[in-house]
Structures are given as structure tokens and as C-alpha cells.
């Protein structure tokens, strides 16, 4: 498995009357870019917001460190630092 950042755009009627395009990134584990694209298309949020893909980046390394994905039984165990928590770091 490889790590892909899928950069998506969408127009949200609830924000700015849908005039401005918003963007977010999804990080997806997949064997190749085509599979990452398919996974993004199948995400409920992607469908609900009628998103489109602006680009896909395969992430091989970060600041001199190789990215290695290992299968785990844990899901969504990431630590999120809030605005106030991150200010104190």
C-alpha cells in the first residue's frame, strides 16, 4: 500500500451561496493512483458535496523520512491538537 493525498474541490451552497470553490485533502491508502481515485469517488462526503478531484499526489517521503504504511486493526486513533492546544506547543 502507498499513501496518496487526493486534493478535491467543491462548491458548497451553505458557504458564500456556492459561489466560491472550497478545497480539502483526503489521505488515502491504495495500491496505485487509479485505486486512490476510485476510493475517493466512493466516499459519502465526496458524493454528497459533488466534489471533483483537482490532483493526486503519491507521498513517498516527508522531510527525509520514508513513508511506510503498515496494516493495523486500529481505526482513527490519531491525536488531533485543537487550536488552543497547538498554541501551547
Protein backbone atom coordinates (compact mmCIF):
# COMPACT_ATOMS: atom_id res chain seq x y z
CA UNK A 1 0.00 0.00 0.00
CA UNK A 2 1.01 3.56 -0.74
CA UNK A 3 -0.17 6.87 0.69
CA UNK A 4 -1.93 9.32 -1.60
CA UNK A 5 -3.14 12.84 -0.95
CA UNK A 6 -6.24 13.49 -3.04
CA UNK A 7 -6.87 17.22 -3.39
CA UNK A 8 -10.56 17.86 -4.02
CA UNK A 9 -12.65 20.90 -4.78
CA UNK A 10 -16.33 21.57 -4.34
CA UNK A 11 -18.93 24.31 -4.26
CA UNK A 12 -20.97 24.42 -1.06
CA UNK A 13 -24.32 26.22 -1.26
CA UNK A 14 -24.18 26.75 2.53
CA UNK A 15 -20.96 28.79 2.22
CA UNK A 16 -20.89 32.00 0.20
CA UNK A 17 -24.02 30.93 -1.69
CA UNK A 18 -21.94 28.33 -3.52
CA UNK A 19 -20.03 30.99 -5.45
CA UNK A 20 -16.55 30.12 -4.13
CA UNK A 21 -14.77 26.84 -4.62
CA UNK A 22 -13.59 25.20 -1.38
CA UNK A 23 -10.79 22.64 -1.19
CA UNK A 24 -9.76 19.87 1.17
CA UNK A 25 -7.32 16.96 1.09
CA UNK A 26 -8.12 13.32 1.73
CA UNK A 27 -5.30 10.95 2.65
CA UNK A 28 -5.99 7.55 1.12
CA UNK A 29 -4.12 4.25 1.33
CA UNK A 30 -4.19 2.49 -2.03
CA UNK A 31 -2.02 0.35 -4.28
CA UNK A 32 -1.92 2.98 -7.05
CA UNK A 33 -3.30 6.38 -8.05
CA UNK A 34 -6.19 4.88 -10.01
CA UNK A 35 -7.31 2.94 -6.94
CA UNK A 36 -6.98 6.07 -4.76
CA UNK A 37 -9.20 7.94 -7.23
CA UNK A 38 -11.81 5.18 -7.09
CA UNK A 39 -11.76 5.19 -3.28
CA UNK A 40 -12.26 8.97 -3.22
CA UNK A 41 -15.20 8.72 -5.63
CA UNK A 42 -16.82 6.14 -3.33
CA UNK A 43 -16.61 8.31 -0.18
CA UNK A 44 -20.03 9.50 1.03
CA UNK A 45 -18.75 13.04 1.69
CA UNK A 46 -17.33 13.18 -1.85
CA UNK A 47 -20.69 12.21 -3.31
CA UNK A 48 -22.78 14.42 -1.02
CA UNK A 49 -20.79 17.58 -1.80
CA UNK A 50 -20.47 16.72 -5.51
CA UNK A 51 -16.70 17.01 -5.23
CA UNK A 52 -14.19 16.77 -8.04
CA UNK A 53 -10.52 15.82 -7.95
CA UNK A 54 -8.06 18.63 -8.68
CA UNK A 55 -4.98 16.46 -8.22
CA UNK A 56 -3.49 13.35 -6.65
CA UNK A 57 -0.07 13.19 -5.01
CA UNK A 58 1.71 9.97 -4.11
CA UNK A 59 3.57 10.60 -0.86
CA UNK A 60 6.79 8.59 -0.71
CA UNK A 61 8.73 10.60 1.86
CA UNK A 62 8.44 13.60 4.17
CA UNK A 63 11.43 15.74 5.14
CA UNK A 64 13.89 12.93 4.51
CA UNK A 65 11.77 10.19 6.12
CA UNK A 66 10.30 7.39 4.02
CA UNK A 67 6.58 6.80 4.47
CA UNK A 68 5.75 3.15 5.21
CA UNK A 69 2.17 2.00 5.70
CA UNK A 70 1.52 -0.97 7.96
CA UNK A 71 -1.81 -2.75 8.30
CA UNK A 72 -3.42 -2.25 11.71
CA UNK A 73 -6.67 -3.18 13.41
CA UNK A 74 -6.93 0.31 14.94
CA UNK A 75 -9.05 2.93 13.25
CA UNK A 76 -8.91 6.70 13.65
CA UNK A 77 -6.53 6.67 16.61
CA UNK A 78 -4.80 9.88 15.52
CA UNK A 79 -4.24 12.66 18.04
CA UNK A 80 -5.80 15.93 16.98
CA UNK A 81 -4.44 19.09 18.58
CA UNK A 82 -7.06 21.81 18.90
CA UNK A 83 -6.39 25.46 18.19
CA UNK A 84 -5.71 26.18 21.88
CA UNK A 85 -3.60 23.03 22.35
CA UNK A 86 -1.44 23.80 19.34
CA UNK A 87 -0.82 27.35 20.57
CA UNK A 88 0.69 25.90 23.78
CA UNK A 89 3.20 23.67 21.98
